[in-house]
C-alpha atoms as a PDB file:
ATOM      1  CA  UNK A   1     124.424   9.128 266.322  1.00  0.00           C
ATOM      2  CA  UNK A   2     125.608  12.500 267.691  1.00  0.00           C
ATOM      3  CA  UNK A   3     124.608  13.388 271.259  1.00  0.00           C
ATOM      4  CA  UNK A   4     123.278  16.972 271.785  1.00  0.00           C
ATOM      5  CA  UNK A   5     126.579  18.120 273.346  1.00  0.00           C
ATOM      6  CA  UNK A   6     128.463  16.466 270.468  1.00  0.00           C
ATOM      7  CA  UNK A   7     126.514  18.237 267.958  1.00  0.00           C
ATOM      8  CA  UNK A   8     126.886  21.602 269.827  1.00  0.00           C
ATOM      9  CA  UNK A   9     130.742  21.057 269.734  1.00  0.00           C
ATOM     10  CA  UNK A  10     130.649  20.201 266.008  1.00  0.00           C
ATOM     11  CA  UNK A  11     128.439  23.306 265.026  1.00  0.00           C
ATOM     12  CA  UNK A  12     130.849  25.568 267.199  1.00  0.00           C
ATOM     13  CA  UNK A  13     133.968  24.171 265.332  1.00  0.00           C
ATOM     14  CA  UNK A  14     132.406  24.664 262.052  1.00  0.00           C
ATOM     15  CA  UNK A  15     131.312  28.293 262.812  1.00  0.00           C
ATOM     16  CA  UNK A  16     134.759  29.072 264.216  1.00  0.00           C
ATOM     17  CA  UNK A  17     136.399  27.818 261.080  1.00  0.00           C
ATOM     18  CA  UNK A  18     133.975  29.865 258.910  1.00  0.00           C
ATOM     19  CA  UNK A  19     134.740  32.953 260.966  1.00  0.00           C
ATOM     20  CA  UNK A  20     138.597  32.376 260.642  1.00  0.00           C
ATOM     21  CA  UNK A  21     138.245  31.989 256.900  1.00  0.00           C
ATOM     22  CA  UNK A  22     136.087  35.316 256.698  1.00  0.00           C
ATOM     23  CA  UNK A  23     138.602  37.306 259.013  1.00  0.00           C
ATOM     24  CA  UNK A  24     141.548  35.961 256.740  1.00  0.00           C
ATOM     25  CA  UNK A  25     139.471  37.186 253.508  1.00  0.00           C
ATOM     26  CA  UNK A  26     138.950  40.572 255.115  1.00  0.00           C
ATOM     27  CA  UNK A  27     142.543  40.944 255.956  1.00  0.00           C
ATOM     28  CA  UNK A  28     143.509  39.904 252.524  1.00  0.00           C
ATOM     29  CA  UNK A  29     141.078  42.624 250.936  1.00  0.00           C
ATOM     30  CA  UNK A  30     142.568  45.076 253.229  1.00  0.00           C
ATOM     31  CA  UNK A  31     146.032  44.738 251.540  1.00  0.00           C
ATOM     32  CA  UNK A  32     146.887  46.589 248.442  1.00  0.00           C
ATOM     33  CA  UNK A  33     147.852  44.555 245.620  1.00  0.00           C
ATOM     34  CA  UNK A  34     151.162  45.845 244.099  1.00  0.00           C
ATOM     35  CA  UNK A  35     150.513  47.130 240.647  1.00  0.00           C
ATOM     36  CA  UNK A  36     153.428  47.523 238.149  1.00  0.00           C
ATOM     37  CA  UNK A  37     153.530  51.125 236.943  1.00  0.00           C
ATOM     38  CA  UNK A  38     155.083  50.222 233.671  1.00  0.00           C
ATOM     39  CA  UNK A  39     152.436  49.725 230.875  1.00  0.00           C
ATOM     40  CA  UNK A  40     153.691  47.412 228.128  1.00  0.00           C
ATOM     41  CA  UNK A  41     153.284  48.328 224.498  1.00  0.00           C
ATOM     42  CA  UNK A  42     155.211  48.583 221.424  1.00  0.00           C
ATOM     43  CA  UNK A  43     157.735  51.676 220.848  1.00  0.00           C
ATOM     44  CA  UNK A  44     155.763  52.794 217.895  1.00  0.00           C
ATOM     45  CA  UNK A  45     152.221  52.874 219.700  1.00  0.00           C
ATOM     46  CA  UNK A  46     153.969  54.726 222.729  1.00  0.00           C
ATOM     47  CA  UNK A  47     155.782  57.345 220.553  1.00  0.00           C
ATOM     48  CA  UNK A  48     152.640  57.974 218.747  1.00  0.00           C
ATOM     49  CA  UNK A  49     150.573  58.542 221.916  1.00  0.00           C
ATOM     50  CA  UNK A  50     148.346  55.725 221.310  1.00  0.00           C
ATOM     51  CA  UNK A  51     148.945  54.371 224.931  1.00  0.00           C
ATOM     52  CA  UNK A  52     148.465  56.096 228.345  1.00  0.00           C
ATOM     53  CA  UNK A  53     150.307  55.512 231.458  1.00  0.00           C
ATOM     54  CA  UNK A  54     150.442  57.326 234.868  1.00  0.00           C
ATOM     55  CA  UNK A  55     153.841  59.153 235.132  1.00  0.00           C
ATOM     56  CA  UNK A  56     154.430  58.264 231.323  1.00  0.00           C
ATOM     57  CA  UNK A  57     155.921  54.756 232.342  1.00  0.00           C
ATOM     58  CA  UNK A  58     156.221  52.165 229.874  1.00  0.00           C
ATOM     59  CA  UNK A  59     157.717  48.740 229.070  1.00  0.00           C
ATOM     60  CA  UNK A  60     158.937  47.755 225.798  1.00  0.00           C
ATOM     61  CA  UNK A  61     161.042  44.918 224.283  1.00  0.00           C
ATOM     62  CA  UNK A  62     164.734  45.973 223.898  1.00  0.00           C
ATOM     63  CA  UNK A  63     164.910  47.249 220.386  1.00  0.00           C
ATOM     64  CA  UNK A  64     167.265  46.917 217.573  1.00  0.00           C
ATOM     65  CA  UNK A  65     169.533  50.050 217.684  1.00  0.00           C
ATOM     66  CA  UNK A  66     170.283  51.825 214.288  1.00  0.00           C
ATOM     67  CA  UNK A  67     173.042  53.903 215.881  1.00  0.00           C
ATOM     68  CA  UNK A  68     174.345  54.439 219.328  1.00  0.00           C
ATOM     69  CA  UNK A  69     176.794  57.148 220.567  1.00  0.00           C
ATOM     70  CA  UNK A  70     177.321  58.129 224.034  1.00  0.00           C
ATOM     71  CA  UNK A  71     174.105  58.172 226.121  1.00  0.00           C
ATOM     72  CA  UNK A  72     171.689  58.283 222.896  1.00  0.00           C
ATOM     73  CA  UNK A  73     170.485  55.825 220.484  1.00  0.00           C
ATOM     74  CA  UNK A  74     168.275  55.931 217.322  1.00  0.00           C
ATOM     75  CA  UNK A  75     165.780  53.410 216.957  1.00  0.00           C
ATOM     76  CA  UNK A  76     164.040  53.404 213.467  1.00  0.00           C
ATOM     77  CA  UNK A  77     160.198  52.530 213.023  1.00  0.00           C
ATOM     78  CA  UNK A  78     160.075  52.844 209.142  1.00  0.00           C
ATOM     79  CA  UNK A  79     160.489  56.319 208.206  1.00  0.00           C
ATOM     80  CA  UNK A  80     160.263  57.446 211.990  1.00  0.00           C
ATOM     81  CA  UNK A  81     163.216  58.179 214.080  1.00  0.00           C
ATOM     82  CA  UNK A  82     162.912  57.251 217.774  1.00  0.00           C
ATOM     83  CA  UNK A  83     165.504  58.305 220.432  1.00  0.00           C
ATOM     84  CA  UNK A  84     166.401  56.042 223.462  1.00  0.00           C
ATOM     85  CA  UNK A  85     168.433  57.534 226.159  1.00  0.00           C
ATOM     86  CA  UNK A  86     170.427  55.775 229.008  1.00  0.00           C
ATOM     87  CA  UNK A  87     173.597  56.345 230.891  1.00  0.00           C
ATOM     88  CA  UNK A  88     176.594  54.893 229.106  1.00  0.00           C
ATOM     89  CA  UNK A  89     174.357  53.288 226.407  1.00  0.00           C
ATOM     90  CA  UNK A  90     177.056  53.063 223.906  1.00  0.00           C
ATOM     91  CA  UNK A  91     179.116  50.836 226.247  1.00  0.00           C
ATOM     92  CA  UNK A  92     176.193  48.703 227.413  1.00  0.00           C
ATOM     93  CA  UNK A  93     173.520  48.464 224.716  1.00  0.00           C
ATOM     94  CA  UNK A  94     174.674  45.065 223.418  1.00  0.00           C
ATOM     95  CA  UNK A  95     173.795  43.638 227.002  1.00  0.00           C
ATOM     96  CA  UNK A  96     170.123  44.767 226.535  1.00  0.00           C
ATOM     97  CA  UNK A  97     169.442  42.099 223.862  1.00  0.00           C
ATOM     98  CA  UNK A  98     166.431  40.058 224.926  1.00  0.00           C
ATOM     99  CA  UNK A  99     165.518  42.316 227.864  1.00  0.00           C
ATOM    100  CA  UNK A 100     162.354  44.183 228.743  1.00  0.00           C
ATOM    101  CA  UNK A 101     162.906  47.811 229.263  1.00  0.00           C
ATOM    102  CA  UNK A 102     161.018  50.107 231.641  1.00  0.00           C
ATOM    103  CA  UNK A 103     161.277  53.431 230.197  1.00  0.00           C
ATOM    104  CA  UNK A 104     159.918  56.970 230.960  1.00  0.00           C
ATOM    105  CA  UNK A 105     158.368  59.090 228.089  1.00  0.00           C
ATOM    106  CA  UNK A 106     160.343  62.598 228.214  1.00  0.00           C
ATOM    107  CA  UNK A 107     159.122  65.587 226.249  1.00  0.00           C
ATOM    108  CA  UNK A 108     162.106  67.870 226.914  1.00  0.00           C
ATOM    109  CA  UNK A 109     164.586  68.359 225.452  1.00  0.00           C
ATOM    110  CA  UNK A 110     162.972  67.936 222.138  1.00  0.00           C
ATOM    111  CA  UNK A 111     162.385  65.694 220.396  1.00  0.00           C
ATOM    112  CA  UNK A 112     160.130  63.268 222.515  1.00  0.00           C
ATOM    113  CA  UNK A 113     162.161  60.348 223.602  1.00  0.00           C
ATOM    114  CA  UNK A 114     162.521  57.507 226.017  1.00  0.00           C
ATOM    115  CA  UNK A 115     164.625  57.233 229.112  1.00  0.00           C
ATOM    116  CA  UNK A 116     165.563  53.805 230.457  1.00  0.00           C
ATOM    117  CA  UNK A 117     164.800  53.403 234.058  1.00  0.00           C
ATOM    118  CA  UNK A 118     164.544  49.466 234.462  1.00  0.00           C
ATOM    119  CA  UNK A 119     165.764  46.403 233.075  1.00  0.00           C
ATOM    120  CA  UNK A 120     163.849  43.116 233.423  1.00  0.00           C
ATOM    121  CA  UNK A 121     164.765  39.788 231.966  1.00  0.00           C
ATOM    122  CA  UNK A 122     162.827  36.285 232.158  1.00  0.00           C
ATOM    123  CA  UNK A 123     160.432  38.227 234.622  1.00  0.00           C
ATOM    124  CA  UNK A 124     163.197  39.091 236.957  1.00  0.00           C
ATOM    125  CA  UNK A 125     164.184  42.744 237.525  1.00  0.00           C
ATOM    126  CA  UNK A 126     167.913  43.023 237.040  1.00  0.00           C
ATOM    127  CA  UNK A 127     168.105  46.932 237.528  1.00  0.00           C
ATOM    128  CA  UNK A 128     165.570  49.479 238.821  1.00  0.00           C
ATOM    129  CA  UNK A 129     165.375  53.231 239.447  1.00  0.00           C
ATOM    130  CA  UNK A 130     168.219  53.860 237.057  1.00  0.00           C
ATOM    131  CA  UNK A 131     169.316  57.467 236.988  1.00  0.00           C
ATOM    132  CA  UNK A 132     168.894  59.239 233.689  1.00  0.00           C
ATOM    133  CA  UNK A 133     172.168  60.738 232.230  1.00  0.00           C
ATOM    134  CA  UNK A 134     172.639  64.578 232.325  1.00  0.00           C
ATOM    135  CA  UNK A 135     173.377  66.920 229.608  1.00  0.00           C
ATOM    136  CA  UNK A 136     172.631  64.385 226.962  1.00  0.00           C
ATOM    137  CA  UNK A 137     172.315  65.730 223.308  1.00  0.00           C
ATOM    138  CA  UNK A 138     169.504  65.210 220.863  1.00  0.00           C
ATOM    139  CA  UNK A 139     169.234  66.625 217.436  1.00  0.00           C
ATOM    140  CA  UNK A 140     166.156  68.908 216.577  1.00  0.00           C
ATOM    141  CA  UNK A 141     163.957  67.529 214.078  1.00  0.00           C
ATOM    142  CA  UNK A 142     161.939  69.947 211.852  1.00  0.00           C
ATOM    143  CA  UNK A 143     158.516  69.422 210.475  1.00  0.00           C
ATOM    144  CA  UNK A 144     158.408  69.677 206.679  1.00  0.00           C
ATOM    145  CA  UNK A 145     156.377  72.833 206.974  1.00  0.00           C
ATOM    146  CA  UNK A 146     159.158  74.434 208.902  1.00  0.00           C
ATOM    147  CA  UNK A 147     161.517  73.861 205.892  1.00  0.00           C
ATOM    148  CA  UNK A 148     161.552  75.865 202.844  1.00  0.00           C
ATOM    149  CA  UNK A 149     161.802  73.247 199.887  1.00  0.00           C
ATOM    150  CA  UNK A 150     161.299  76.065 197.269  1.00  0.00           C
ATOM    151  CA  UNK A 151     164.951  77.318 197.931  1.00  0.00           C
ATOM    152  CA  UNK A 152     166.831  77.384 194.640  1.00  0.00           C
ATOM    153  CA  UNK A 153     169.280  74.593 193.835  1.00  0.00           C
ATOM    154  CA  UNK A 154     172.939  75.252 192.880  1.00  0.00           C
ATOM    155  CA  UNK A 155     175.906  72.976 192.259  1.00  0.00           C
ATOM    156  CA  UNK A 156     177.924  74.025 195.385  1.00  0.00           C
ATOM    157  CA  UNK A 157     180.167  70.901 195.270  1.00  0.00           C
ATOM    158  CA  UNK A 158     181.478  72.069 191.779  1.00  0.00           C
ATOM    159  CA  UNK A 159     183.045  75.292 193.089  1.00  0.00           C
ATOM    160  CA  UNK A 160     186.566  75.791 191.825  1.00  0.00           C
ATOM    161  CA  UNK A 161     189.584  77.323 193.377  1.00  0.00           C
ATOM    162  CA  UNK A 162     191.008  79.140 190.329  1.00  0.00           C
ATOM    163  CA  UNK A 163     190.528  82.894 189.785  1.00  0.00           C
ATOM    164  CA  UNK A 164     187.647  82.698 187.167  1.00  0.00           C
ATOM    165  CA  UNK A 165     185.715  79.757 189.104  1.00  0.00           C
ATOM    166  CA  UNK A 166     186.132  81.972 192.291  1.00  0.00           C
ATOM    167  CA  UNK A 167     184.772  85.087 190.611  1.00  0.00           C
ATOM    168  CA  UNK A 168     181.810  82.920 189.397  1.00  0.00           C
ATOM    169  CA  UNK A 169     181.265  81.586 192.735  1.00  0.00           C
ATOM    170  CA  UNK A 170     181.294  84.894 194.505  1.00  0.00           C
ATOM    171  CA  UNK A 171     178.540  86.175 192.082  1.00  0.00           C
ATOM    172  CA  UNK A 172     176.355  83.120 192.769  1.00  0.00           C
ATOM    173  CA  UNK A 173     176.872  82.529 196.464  1.00  0.00           C
ATOM    174  CA  UNK A 174     177.675  85.724 198.114  1.00  0.00           C
ATOM    175  CA  UNK A 175     175.601  88.877 198.639  1.00  0.00           C
ATOM    176  CA  UNK A 176     175.903  91.525 195.840  1.00  0.00           C
ATOM    177  CA  UNK A 177     176.354  94.452 198.124  1.00  0.00           C
ATOM    178  CA  UNK A 178     177.593  94.533 201.650  1.00  0.00           C
ATOM    179  CA  UNK A 179     174.755  94.516 204.179  1.00  0.00           C
ATOM    180  CA  UNK A 180     172.519  92.417 201.757  1.00  0.00           C
ATOM    181  CA  UNK A 181     171.028  89.183 203.191  1.00  0.00           C
ATOM    182  CA  UNK A 182     173.071  85.948 202.739  1.00  0.00           C
ATOM    183  CA  UNK A 183     171.977  83.539 200.038  1.00  0.00           C
ATOM    184  CA  UNK A 184     170.825  80.090 201.029  1.00  0.00           C
ATOM    185  CA  UNK A 185     170.546  77.397 198.439  1.00  0.00           C
ATOM    186  CA  UNK A 186     169.762  73.712 198.236  1.00  0.00           C
ATOM    187  CA  UNK A 187     172.416  71.312 197.252  1.00  0.00           C
ATOM    188  CA  UNK A 188     174.194  67.922 198.128  1.00  0.00           C
ATOM    189  CA  UNK A 189     177.645  66.735 198.905  1.00  0.00           C
ATOM    190  CA  UNK A 190     178.483  63.021 198.310  1.00  0.00           C
ATOM    191  CA  UNK A 191     181.340  63.329 200.842  1.00  0.00           C
ATOM    192  CA  UNK A 192     181.900  65.269 204.107  1.00  0.00           C
ATOM    193  CA  UNK A 193     184.561  64.812 206.783  1.00  0.00           C
ATOM    194  CA  UNK A 194     185.451  65.489 210.420  1.00  0.00           C
ATOM    195  CA  UNK A 195     189.236  65.789 210.804  1.00  0.00           C
ATOM    196  CA  UNK A 196     192.077  68.093 212.049  1.00  0.00           C
ATOM    197  CA  UNK A 197     191.770  71.758 210.712  1.00  0.00           C
ATOM    198  CA  UNK A 198     193.487  72.419 207.367  1.00  0.00           C
ATOM    199  CA  UNK A 199     195.189  75.454 208.752  1.00  0.00           C
ATOM    200  CA  UNK A 200     196.832  74.204 211.985  1.00  0.00           C
ATOM    201  CA  UNK A 201     200.347  74.908 212.728  1.00  0.00           C
ATOM    202  CA  UNK A 202     202.661  72.008 211.882  1.00  0.00           C
ATOM    203  CA  UNK A 203     203.485  71.278 215.600  1.00  0.00           C
ATOM    204  CA  UNK A 204     199.623  71.196 216.562  1.00  0.00           C
ATOM    205  CA  UNK A 205     198.906  69.175 213.393  1.00  0.00           C
ATOM    206  CA  UNK A 206     201.097  66.276 214.751  1.00  0.00           C
ATOM    207  CA  UNK A 207     199.150  65.960 217.842  1.00  0.00           C
ATOM    208  CA  UNK A 208     195.799  67.579 217.498  1.00  0.00           C
ATOM    209  CA  UNK A 209     193.300  67.966 220.356  1.00  0.00           C
ATOM    210  CA  UNK A 210     189.427  67.734 220.206  1.00  0.00           C
ATOM    211  CA  UNK A 211     189.146  71.465 219.656  1.00  0.00           C
ATOM    212  CA  UNK A 212     191.494  71.299 216.566  1.00  0.00           C
ATOM    213  CA  UNK A 213     188.883  69.340 214.663  1.00  0.00           C
ATOM    214  CA  UNK A 214     186.429  70.702 212.078  1.00  0.00           C
ATOM    215  CA  UNK A 215     183.699  69.627 209.592  1.00  0.00           C
ATOM    216  CA  UNK A 216     184.335  69.786 205.857  1.00  0.00           C
ATOM    217  CA  UNK A 217     182.067  69.352 202.965  1.00  0.00           C
ATOM    218  CA  UNK A 218     184.092  68.013 200.187  1.00  0.00           C
ATOM    219  CA  UNK A 219     183.162  68.705 196.428  1.00  0.00           C
ATOM    220  CA  UNK A 220     184.737  67.887 193.136  1.00  0.00           C
ATOM    221  CA  UNK A 221     188.232  69.524 193.794  1.00  0.00           C
ATOM    222  CA  UNK A 222     187.567  71.807 196.685  1.00  0.00           C
ATOM    223  CA  UNK A 223     186.200  71.757 200.235  1.00  0.00           C
ATOM    224  CA  UNK A 224     184.173  74.302 202.437  1.00  0.00           C
ATOM    225  CA  UNK A 225     184.485  74.345 206.078  1.00  0.00           C
ATOM    226  CA  UNK A 226     181.197  73.825 207.939  1.00  0.00           C
ATOM    227  CA  UNK A 227     180.590  76.428 210.906  1.00  0.00           C
ATOM    228  CA  UNK A 228     177.867  76.991 213.313  1.00  0.00           C
ATOM    229  CA  UNK A 229     176.676  73.451 213.689  1.00  0.00           C
ATOM    230  CA  UNK A 230     174.504  72.740 216.530  1.00  0.00           C
ATOM    231  CA  UNK A 231     175.684  69.929 219.006  1.00  0.00           C
ATOM    232  CA  UNK A 232     172.729  67.770 217.937  1.00  0.00           C
ATOM    233  CA  UNK A 233     173.515  68.286 214.318  1.00  0.00           C
ATOM    234  CA  UNK A 234     177.064  67.155 214.997  1.00  0.00           C
ATOM    235  CA  UNK A 235     175.683  64.015 216.782  1.00  0.00           C
ATOM    236  CA  UNK A 236     173.681  63.308 213.638  1.00  0.00           C
ATOM    237  CA  UNK A 237     176.570  63.976 211.222  1.00  0.00           C
ATOM    238  CA  UNK A 238     178.825  61.567 213.147  1.00  0.00           C
ATOM    239  CA  UNK A 239     176.034  58.841 212.551  1.00  0.00           C
ATOM    240  CA  UNK A 240     175.678  59.645 208.815  1.00  0.00           C
ATOM    241  CA  UNK A 241     179.496  59.786 208.419  1.00  0.00           C
ATOM    242  CA  UNK A 242     179.788  56.276 209.904  1.00  0.00           C
ATOM    243  CA  UNK A 243     176.991  54.877 207.583  1.00  0.00           C
ATOM    244  CA  UNK A 244     178.691  56.702 204.525  1.00  0.00           C
ATOM    245  CA  UNK A 245     175.693  58.744 203.686  1.00  0.00           C
ATOM    246  CA  UNK A 246     175.489  62.012 201.590  1.00  0.00           C
ATOM    247  CA  UNK A 247     174.896  65.393 202.989  1.00  0.00           C
ATOM    248  CA  UNK A 248     171.868  66.763 201.549  1.00  0.00           C
ATOM    249  CA  UNK A 249     170.108  69.960 202.553  1.00  0.00           C
ATOM    250  CA  UNK A 250     170.258  73.839 202.619  1.00  0.00           C
ATOM    251  CA  UNK A 251     173.467  75.670 202.666  1.00  0.00           C
ATOM    252  CA  UNK A 252     174.435  79.310 203.212  1.00  0.00           C
ATOM    253  CA  UNK A 253     178.008  80.355 202.094  1.00  0.00           C
ATOM    254  CA  UNK A 254     179.535  82.629 204.661  1.00  0.00           C
ATOM    255  CA  UNK A 255     182.925  83.468 203.112  1.00  0.00           C
ATOM    256  CA  UNK A 256     185.103  82.637 200.109  1.00  0.00           C
ATOM    257  CA  UNK A 257     188.831  82.829 200.266  1.00  0.00           C
ATOM    258  CA  UNK A 258     190.217  85.813 198.497  1.00  0.00           C
ATOM    259  CA  UNK A 259     193.683  85.097 198.676  1.00  0.00           C
ATOM    260  CA  UNK A 260     194.799  83.031 195.743  1.00  0.00           C
ATOM    261  CA  UNK A 261     198.069  81.694 197.575  1.00  0.00           C
ATOM    262  CA  UNK A 262     195.839  80.060 200.192  1.00  0.00           C
ATOM    263  CA  UNK A 263     193.281  78.763 197.815  1.00  0.00           C
ATOM    264  CA  UNK A 264     195.836  76.824 195.631  1.00  0.00           C
ATOM    265  CA  UNK A 265     197.258  74.752 198.549  1.00  0.00           C
ATOM    266  CA  UNK A 266     195.876  71.360 198.329  1.00  0.00           C
ATOM    267  CA  UNK A 267     195.295  69.578 201.496  1.00  0.00           C
ATOM    268  CA  UNK A 268     195.264  65.783 201.668  1.00  0.00           C
ATOM    269  CA  UNK A 269     191.774  64.507 201.741  1.00  0.00           C
ATOM    270  CA  UNK A 270     190.161  67.941 201.252  1.00  0.00           C
ATOM    271  CA  UNK A 271     191.473  69.366 198.093  1.00  0.00           C
ATOM    272  CA  UNK A 272     191.465  73.198 198.029  1.00  0.00           C
ATOM    273  CA  UNK A 273     189.700  74.752 200.929  1.00  0.00           C
ATOM    274  CA  UNK A 274     188.066  77.747 199.422  1.00  0.00           C
ATOM    275  CA  UNK A 275     185.765  79.072 202.243  1.00  0.00           C
ATOM    276  CA  UNK A 276     183.242  78.573 204.818  1.00  0.00           C
ATOM    277  CA  UNK A 277     179.555  78.148 205.007  1.00  0.00           C
ATOM    278  CA  UNK A 278     176.884  76.868 207.342  1.00  0.00           C
ATOM    279  CA  UNK A 279     174.357  74.147 206.978  1.00  0.00           C
ATOM    280  CA  UNK A 280     170.780  75.338 207.686  1.00  0.00           C
ATOM    281  CA  UNK A 281     169.155  71.939 207.698  1.00  0.00           C
ATOM    282  CA  UNK A 282     169.930  68.525 206.260  1.00  0.00           C
ATOM    283  CA  UNK A 283     168.014  65.436 205.536  1.00  0.00           C
ATOM    284  CA  UNK A 284     168.055  61.960 206.924  1.00  0.00           C
ATOM    285  CA  UNK A 285     165.645  59.616 205.287  1.00  0.00           C
ATOM    286  CA  UNK A 286     162.483  61.512 205.300  1.00  0.00           C
ATOM    287  CA  UNK A 287     163.383  63.567 208.194  1.00  0.00           C
ATOM    288  CA  UNK A 288     164.717  67.080 208.317  1.00  0.00           C
ATOM    289  CA  UNK A 289     167.382  68.062 211.029  1.00  0.00           C
ATOM    290  CA  UNK A 290     168.167  71.650 212.199  1.00  0.00           C
ATOM    291  CA  UNK A 291     171.886  72.131 211.625  1.00  0.00           C
ATOM    292  CA  UNK A 292     172.233  75.646 212.701  1.00  0.00           C
ATOM    293  CA  UNK A 293     170.091  78.072 214.644  1.00  0.00           C
ATOM    294  CA  UNK A 294     168.497  80.899 212.691  1.00  0.00           C
ATOM    295  CA  UNK A 295     169.303  84.267 214.102  1.00  0.00           C
END
């Protein structure tokens, strides 16, 4: 049996314990639980805007990369093209396999893309607050409504270099009168190339620099130099060249070589270079890519 004094000591001990637990609970409630700002979801849902996050911060499984060059990668979701950006991505993307990526959804420059800011593996953060690259290049994608699919078609790769063929091409592809608008047609080249210019001096041709390279669309026996490409279009063309894809789109012939002695020269890998053109837009899958800026 407890005495009165023992009972009082016991009650005081219990009350002190309860008070201690209560105070501890109050302290715990006062502390803010750290919340991960990165909201997990699939890249497709994030890019389609189905998931919201403060600061547009998301976490995704490291994707399969369709193509990587420089700081930019293409990730394909069916017919959709998504772009992932990170510093030195071309050198490091293989190390991301199996990781979780914390990314920020960015709306400029267009198109909307994801910038890698955090790398996590097995629940452990390997890298955080990664700086975004500067000056990275993205191709500008066009909606189908912004593309004139009613443009006439023409067999541009069949242009010849001899006089009769060139006279015919002049009538088809160049304006009839000086000052008339240039003609734009739809066509397709099975082959195109990025190589040292065809008209380099012999000494330069032996050791060409980056500024000495040019793009060429290669036809049946002749080639046309491609001018006025945007940096984003060049990035995409490098990808298509690596994948051996055709160049299908809208083309505007800018000039045709009038001097027969220059047209008749056959250049290795190019055939006869007979003029220059610009690419207005080209297709990659179901996507239209702006290739040159309309004036």
